[in-house]
Protein backbone atom coordinates (compact mmCIF):
# COMPACT_ATOMS: atom_id res chain seq x y z
CA MET A 1 -15.31 12.51 -34.17
CA THR A 2 -11.69 13.78 -34.87
CA ALA A 3 -11.80 14.86 -38.38
CA GLN A 4 -9.47 13.18 -40.65
CA ASN A 5 -7.61 13.82 -43.26
CA ASN A 6 -9.41 12.42 -47.06
CA HIS A 7 -12.30 11.06 -44.62
CA ILE A 8 -16.21 11.06 -45.19
CA ASN A 9 -17.38 13.26 -42.54
CA TYR A 10 -20.49 14.84 -43.51
CA ILE A 11 -22.78 14.47 -46.17
CA GLU A 12 -25.19 17.26 -46.96
CA PHE A 13 -28.96 16.83 -48.47
CA LYS A 14 -31.45 18.76 -50.65
CA ALA A 15 -35.03 19.99 -49.27
CA ILE A 16 -37.62 21.68 -49.70
CA ASP A 17 -39.04 22.59 -46.56
CA LEU A 18 -36.87 22.46 -43.55
CA GLU A 19 -39.85 21.87 -41.27
CA LYS A 20 -41.49 19.64 -42.62
CA ILE A 21 -37.60 17.17 -42.95
CA LYS A 22 -37.56 18.25 -39.47
CA SER A 23 -40.32 16.89 -38.32
CA PHE A 24 -40.41 14.04 -40.52
CA TYR A 25 -36.14 12.54 -39.45
CA SER A 26 -37.62 13.92 -35.96
CA THR A 27 -40.58 11.70 -35.49
CA ALA A 28 -39.53 8.86 -37.82
CA PHE A 29 -35.25 8.17 -36.01
CA GLY A 30 -34.81 10.31 -33.56
CA TRP A 31 -32.66 12.72 -35.14
CA THR A 32 -31.46 16.12 -33.80
CA PHE A 33 -31.26 19.25 -35.49
CA THR A 34 -29.47 22.99 -35.20
CA ASP A 35 -31.11 25.60 -37.33
CA TYR A 36 -28.22 27.86 -39.01
CA GLY A 37 -30.63 30.58 -41.01
CA PRO A 38 -33.09 30.58 -43.26
CA GLY A 39 -32.09 28.07 -45.22
CA TYR A 40 -30.08 25.35 -43.41
CA VAL A 41 -30.09 23.10 -40.66
CA ALA A 42 -28.07 21.15 -39.72
CA PHE A 43 -28.51 17.42 -38.07
CA GLU A 44 -27.14 14.77 -36.01
CA GLU A 45 -28.41 10.91 -34.09
CA SER A 46 -27.76 9.40 -37.36
CA GLY A 47 -24.82 7.92 -36.40
CA LEU A 48 -23.34 10.53 -39.57
CA GLN A 49 -23.25 13.99 -38.62
CA GLY A 50 -25.29 16.38 -41.59
CA GLY A 51 -26.87 18.66 -43.37
CA PHE A 52 -30.35 19.63 -45.29
CA GLU A 53 -29.94 23.20 -47.65
CA LYS A 54 -32.96 24.58 -48.74
CA THR A 55 -33.30 23.71 -51.72
CA ASP A 56 -36.20 25.64 -55.19
CA ALA A 57 -35.20 23.00 -57.72
CA ASN A 58 -36.50 19.80 -58.42
CA ILE A 59 -33.99 17.72 -56.84
CA VAL A 60 -32.65 15.13 -58.43
CA ASN A 61 -29.67 13.93 -56.72
CA GLY A 62 -29.90 15.39 -53.68
CA ALA A 63 -27.36 14.75 -51.67
CA LEU A 64 -23.72 15.67 -51.68
CA VAL A 65 -20.88 13.73 -49.79
CA VAL A 66 -18.44 15.95 -47.95
CA LEU A 67 -15.12 14.79 -46.99
CA TYR A 68 -12.39 16.53 -44.21
CA HIS A 69 -9.39 18.70 -45.03
CA GLN A 70 -6.45 20.65 -43.18
CA ASP A 71 -5.53 22.20 -46.52
CA LEU A 72 -7.91 22.90 -49.11
CA ILE A 73 -5.28 25.30 -51.06
CA MET A 74 -3.36 22.18 -51.51
CA LEU A 75 -6.32 18.78 -52.16
CA LYS A 76 -8.01 21.61 -55.00
CA ASP A 77 -4.87 21.62 -57.04
CA LYS A 78 -4.58 17.50 -55.99
CA ILE A 79 -8.41 17.21 -57.45
CA LYS A 80 -7.07 18.93 -60.59
CA ASP A 81 -3.56 17.01 -61.15
CA ALA A 82 -5.85 13.84 -60.82
CA GLY A 83 -8.55 15.24 -63.57
CA GLY A 84 -10.92 16.10 -61.26
CA ARG A 85 -13.40 19.43 -61.97
CA ILE A 86 -13.82 22.52 -59.19
CA SER A 87 -17.68 23.23 -59.73
CA LYS A 88 -17.65 25.35 -56.75
CA ASP A 89 -14.39 27.85 -55.32
CA ILE A 90 -13.92 27.81 -51.72
CA PHE A 91 -16.39 29.76 -49.22
CA SER A 92 -17.00 30.50 -45.89
CA PHE A 93 -19.84 28.92 -44.13
CA PRO A 94 -20.55 29.63 -40.48
CA GLY A 95 -17.59 26.13 -39.11
CA GLY A 96 -15.12 27.15 -41.73
CA LYS A 97 -14.48 26.43 -45.07
CA ARG A 98 -14.88 24.43 -48.72
CA PHE A 99 -14.90 23.74 -52.15
CA HIS A 100 -16.85 21.02 -54.14
CA PHE A 101 -14.75 19.39 -57.04
CA VAL A 102 -16.84 16.84 -59.72
CA ASP A 103 -14.69 13.48 -60.66
CA PRO A 104 -14.32 11.70 -63.83
CA SER A 105 -17.51 9.86 -63.32
CA GLY A 106 -19.18 13.27 -63.27
CA ASN A 107 -19.91 13.04 -59.63
CA GLU A 108 -20.08 16.21 -57.32
CA LEU A 109 -18.56 15.94 -53.60
CA ALA A 110 -17.36 18.89 -50.93
CA VAL A 111 -14.51 19.04 -48.35
CA TRP A 112 -14.27 21.67 -45.87
CA SER A 113 -11.80 22.10 -43.27
CA ASP A 114 -12.45 23.72 -40.07
CA LYS A 115 -8.77 25.12 -40.58
C-alpha cells in the first residue's frame, strides 16, 4: 500500500513488556514483528501496520494514530494555523521523521514522512 498524504498510515501503542506483548498478539492474532532496538517493535499482518513503544509509565491511552504527509514542515504550520498544538517537534527515527500534535479536543496524533 502506498502512503498517501493526510491518510492514517500507522498506529502505535505503548507496552510495558515488549516480549510479552509480542507473544500475546502473535499467539492470539498471528501478527508478525520486527524489533527496532530494545524500546520498539513494529507489527504486521494486522490489517494496518503499527508498533509498540516500551514504557515504564502507567498506560492511560496507549494508542497513537500516525498520519502520513510528504511535507512535515508545511503540515506542521498548517496544524498550528488551524488551532492545533505541536507536542513533540520533528525528530528522526529509523525510516523517516515525524512530529506529534494535539488537536483542539486534546487528542494527540503524529505525522510521519519518509521524505
